[in-house]
Amino acid sequence: MARGTREDRGAFRAFGAFGDLRWSVAIGRAVERMTKASSLGLEAIEVVRLHEQVYQTLTRALMSGRIPPGRKLTSRKLAAELGTSDMPVRAALVRLQSLRALVALPNGSLILPRMRRGQFADLMAARVLCEGQAAELVASHATAADLRAIRQAGAALTQAALDQDIDDYLARNYEFKFHIYRACGSEALIFLIETLWLQAAPFLRQFAGKFEGALAGILEIDYHDELAAALAERNATLAGALMRRDIHEGAEYLLAHGDFDAEASS
């Protein structure tokens, strides 16, 4: 049987990470049993619901670009991969559909939609607005631990590009950016950013194979080192400008070199 392309194999690596969910679910259930059995008067440990664990796992896979546009997703296959029942997976897919990350096909299955040029431009313009504002807020809200984590995530992002690993690069890009956003102090802004990423991030796999086959070329339109430095200096204006530039130049590159679906006829 054919092994498939390197990109296809990388896409399915998303689901390999679901083994971590199986482990965390097992640990959570064990802790829950021990907590209920305790008679020591200790405060009960709150266990994250399985539904939320499944949703967060799928969300992370989408936002880190692990699943390519055009991929069909079924609750039955995902439940088998995750080692869960069908119900929490189905609930997660419905939530993702409501956020426009997935669309329903006539047969009832769900698909990660392909991207149209106008749609991508619109999403990235919205990202520029929201994420630029978040970066400005982080300059005044971030703790020393936040800044250290951002700097470390940036170094890992650079290394992934130098290693020519698109899967690792997209995962590290997600980690770097969301280390920043989660330190902004605005839950509303984080929700908007996550919603935009659910729709736009899978298309970022288009960076694979570009830059004349050398992924390290992406560093020429990537400003994460400068952004981390601006945040460390608490320079909100510069941090916001660098974030906007980073997103804008990446968007312009893909608008010029990406493969898009045809625009819907009016």
Foldseek 3Di string as FASTA:
>chain_A
DDPDDPLVVQLCVLLVVLVVVVVLVVVLVVLQVVQVPDPPPDDRDDRDDSLVSLLVSVLLSLLLLSHAFFDWDDLVVSCVSNVHDSVSSVVSVVVLVVLVQWDADPVGTIGRHFAALVRLVVLLVVCLVLLLLLLLLLLPQPDPVLLVQLQVLVVQLLVCLQVLPSSSNSSSVSSNSVSSNVRNPDPVSVVVNSSSSSNNSNQLSQLCPPPVRRSSVLVVLACSVVLSVCSVVSPSVVNSVNSSSSSVVSSVVCSVPPDGDYDDDD
